[in-house]
């Protein structure tokens, strides 16, 4: 479902308004989940890079 535009000055039904708010809520939830997943991936990638950096340093130092 997509948000339906309400013409200026027109009377909107409660069904139309509720559908628009429901769709908006669904879009916000989906975006929040994507942001959370991206943050998790970023944290994992940062940790992996730090571990790789430590391994490279250890190899460079001959340990």
N, C-alpha and C. Protein backbone atom coordinates (compact mmCIF):
# COMPACT_ATOMS: atom_id res chain seq x y z
N UNK A 1 0.84 -1.18 0.00
CA UNK A 1 0.00 0.00 0.00
C UNK A 1 0.89 1.24 0.00
N UNK A 2 0.44 2.29 -0.62
CA UNK A 2 1.18 3.54 -0.67
C UNK A 2 0.34 4.64 -0.02
N UNK A 3 1.02 5.64 0.47
CA UNK A 3 0.32 6.78 1.06
C UNK A 3 -0.45 7.49 -0.05
N UNK A 4 -1.71 7.75 0.22
CA UNK A 4 -2.56 8.44 -0.76
C UNK A 4 -2.62 9.92 -0.43
N UNK A 5 -2.42 10.73 -1.45
CA UNK A 5 -2.47 12.17 -1.26
C UNK A 5 -3.92 12.62 -1.04
N UNK A 6 -4.07 13.56 -0.13
CA UNK A 6 -5.39 14.13 0.16
C UNK A 6 -5.38 15.55 -0.39
N UNK A 7 -6.30 15.84 -1.28
CA UNK A 7 -6.34 17.16 -1.91
C UNK A 7 -6.62 18.24 -0.87
N UNK A 8 -5.98 19.37 -1.05
CA UNK A 8 -6.17 20.51 -0.16
C UNK A 8 -7.65 20.90 -0.13
N UNK A 9 -8.17 21.06 1.06
CA UNK A 9 -9.56 21.49 1.25
C UNK A 9 -10.58 20.37 1.18
N UNK A 10 -10.15 19.16 0.86
CA UNK A 10 -11.11 18.07 0.78
C UNK A 10 -11.29 17.41 2.14
N UNK A 11 -12.39 16.69 2.28
CA UNK A 11 -12.62 15.94 3.49
C UNK A 11 -12.07 14.54 3.30
N UNK A 12 -11.23 14.12 4.22
CA UNK A 12 -10.63 12.78 4.12
C UNK A 12 -11.36 11.84 5.06
N UNK A 13 -11.59 10.65 4.60
CA UNK A 13 -12.25 9.66 5.45
C UNK A 13 -11.27 9.15 6.50
N UNK A 14 -11.83 8.66 7.58
CA UNK A 14 -10.99 8.09 8.63
C UNK A 14 -10.24 6.87 8.10
N UNK A 15 -10.86 6.15 7.19
CA UNK A 15 -10.19 4.97 6.60
C UNK A 15 -8.95 5.39 5.83
N UNK A 16 -9.07 6.43 5.02
CA UNK A 16 -7.93 6.92 4.25
C UNK A 16 -6.82 7.41 5.18
N UNK A 17 -7.19 8.17 6.19
CA UNK A 17 -6.19 8.67 7.14
C UNK A 17 -5.53 7.52 7.90
N UNK A 18 -6.32 6.58 8.37
CA UNK A 18 -5.76 5.44 9.09
C UNK A 18 -4.83 4.62 8.19
N UNK A 19 -5.23 4.42 6.94
CA UNK A 19 -4.37 3.68 6.00
C UNK A 19 -3.06 4.42 5.76
N UNK A 20 -3.14 5.74 5.62
CA UNK A 20 -1.92 6.53 5.43
C UNK A 20 -1.00 6.43 6.65
N UNK A 21 -1.57 6.54 7.84
CA UNK A 21 -0.76 6.44 9.06
C UNK A 21 -0.19 5.04 9.22
N UNK A 22 -0.96 4.02 8.89
CA UNK A 22 -0.48 2.64 8.98
C UNK A 22 0.68 2.42 8.01
N UNK A 23 0.54 2.93 6.78
CA UNK A 23 1.60 2.78 5.80
C UNK A 23 2.86 3.52 6.26
N UNK A 24 2.69 4.71 6.79
CA UNK A 24 3.82 5.48 7.29
C UNK A 24 4.51 4.75 8.42
N UNK A 25 3.73 4.18 9.32
CA UNK A 25 4.29 3.41 10.43
C UNK A 25 5.07 2.20 9.91
N UNK A 26 4.55 1.52 8.91
CA UNK A 26 5.24 0.37 8.32
C UNK A 26 6.55 0.79 7.66
N UNK A 27 6.54 1.93 6.98
CA UNK A 27 7.75 2.43 6.34
C UNK A 27 8.81 2.79 7.38
N UNK A 28 8.39 3.41 8.47
CA UNK A 28 9.32 3.78 9.53
C UNK A 28 9.91 2.53 10.18
N UNK A 29 9.08 1.53 10.42
CA UNK A 29 9.55 0.28 11.00
C UNK A 29 10.56 -0.40 10.08
N UNK A 30 10.27 -0.46 8.80
CA UNK A 30 11.17 -1.09 7.84
C UNK A 30 12.51 -0.35 7.79
N UNK A 31 12.45 0.98 7.79
CA UNK A 31 13.67 1.78 7.77
C UNK A 31 14.47 1.57 9.04
N UNK A 32 13.80 1.51 10.17
CA UNK A 32 14.47 1.28 11.45
C UNK A 32 15.19 -0.07 11.46
N UNK A 33 14.54 -1.10 10.92
CA UNK A 33 15.16 -2.43 10.85
C UNK A 33 16.38 -2.42 9.94
N UNK A 34 16.28 -1.71 8.81
CA UNK A 34 17.44 -1.62 7.90
C UNK A 34 18.59 -0.88 8.56
N UNK A 35 18.30 0.19 9.28
CA UNK A 35 19.35 0.95 9.97
C UNK A 35 20.01 0.07 11.03
N UNK A 36 19.21 -0.67 11.76
CA UNK A 36 19.74 -1.55 12.79
C UNK A 36 20.64 -2.63 12.19
N UNK A 37 20.21 -3.21 11.09
CA UNK A 37 21.02 -4.24 10.41
C UNK A 37 22.32 -3.64 9.90
N UNK A 38 22.25 -2.44 9.34
CA UNK A 38 23.45 -1.79 8.84
C UNK A 38 24.41 -1.46 9.97
N UNK A 39 23.89 -1.03 11.11
CA UNK A 39 24.73 -0.72 12.27
C UNK A 39 25.42 -1.99 12.77
N UNK A 40 24.69 -3.09 12.78
CA UNK A 40 25.26 -4.36 13.20
C UNK A 40 26.36 -4.80 12.24
N UNK A 41 26.11 -4.68 10.95
CA UNK A 41 27.12 -5.03 9.95
C UNK A 41 28.35 -4.14 10.08
N UNK A 42 28.15 -2.87 10.33
CA UNK A 42 29.26 -1.95 10.50
C UNK A 42 30.09 -2.32 11.72
N UNK A 43 29.44 -2.69 12.81
CA UNK A 43 30.16 -3.10 14.02
C UNK A 43 30.97 -4.37 13.76
N UNK A 44 30.38 -5.31 13.04
CA UNK A 44 31.09 -6.55 12.70
C UNK A 44 32.29 -6.26 11.80
N UNK A 45 32.08 -5.42 10.80
CA UNK A 45 33.18 -5.08 9.89
C UNK A 45 34.30 -4.35 10.62
N UNK A 46 33.95 -3.45 11.52
CA UNK A 46 34.95 -2.72 12.30
C UNK A 46 35.77 -3.68 13.15
N UNK A 47 35.09 -4.63 13.77
CA UNK A 47 35.78 -5.63 14.58
C UNK A 47 36.69 -6.50 13.73
N UNK A 48 36.21 -6.92 12.57
CA UNK A 48 37.03 -7.73 11.66
C UNK A 48 38.27 -6.96 11.20
N UNK A 49 38.11 -5.69 10.91
CA UNK A 49 39.25 -4.86 10.48
C UNK A 49 40.26 -4.72 11.61
N UNK A 50 39.78 -4.52 12.82
CA UNK A 50 40.67 -4.41 13.98
C UNK A 50 41.45 -5.71 14.18
N UNK A 51 40.77 -6.84 14.07
CA UNK A 51 41.44 -8.14 14.20
C UNK A 51 42.48 -8.35 13.11
N UNK A 52 42.14 -7.99 11.89
CA UNK A 52 43.07 -8.12 10.78
C UNK A 52 44.28 -7.21 10.99
N UNK A 53 44.03 -6.02 11.48
CA UNK A 53 45.13 -5.08 11.75
C UNK A 53 46.08 -5.65 12.79
N UNK A 54 45.53 -6.27 13.82
CA UNK A 54 46.38 -6.89 14.85
C UNK A 54 47.20 -8.04 14.27
N UNK A 55 46.59 -8.83 13.40
CA UNK A 55 47.31 -9.95 12.79
C UNK A 55 48.44 -9.45 11.89
N UNK A 56 48.16 -8.39 11.11
CA UNK A 56 49.19 -7.81 10.25
C UNK A 56 50.33 -7.27 11.09
N UNK A 57 50.01 -6.56 12.16
CA UNK A 57 51.04 -6.03 13.05
C UNK A 57 51.88 -7.15 13.63
N UNK A 58 51.25 -8.24 14.04
CA UNK A 58 51.97 -9.37 14.61
C UNK A 58 52.91 -9.98 13.56
N UNK A 59 52.45 -10.08 12.33
CA UNK A 59 53.29 -10.61 11.26
C UNK A 59 54.48 -9.68 10.98
N UNK A 60 54.22 -8.39 10.99
CA UNK A 60 55.28 -7.42 10.75
C UNK A 60 56.33 -7.46 11.86
N UNK A 61 55.90 -7.75 13.08
CA UNK A 61 56.82 -7.80 14.22
C UNK A 61 57.45 -9.17 14.39
N UNK A 62 57.06 -10.10 13.53
CA UNK A 62 57.63 -11.44 13.59
C UNK A 62 57.17 -12.28 14.75
N UNK A 63 56.00 -11.99 15.28
CA UNK A 63 55.49 -12.78 16.41
C UNK A 63 54.41 -13.72 15.95
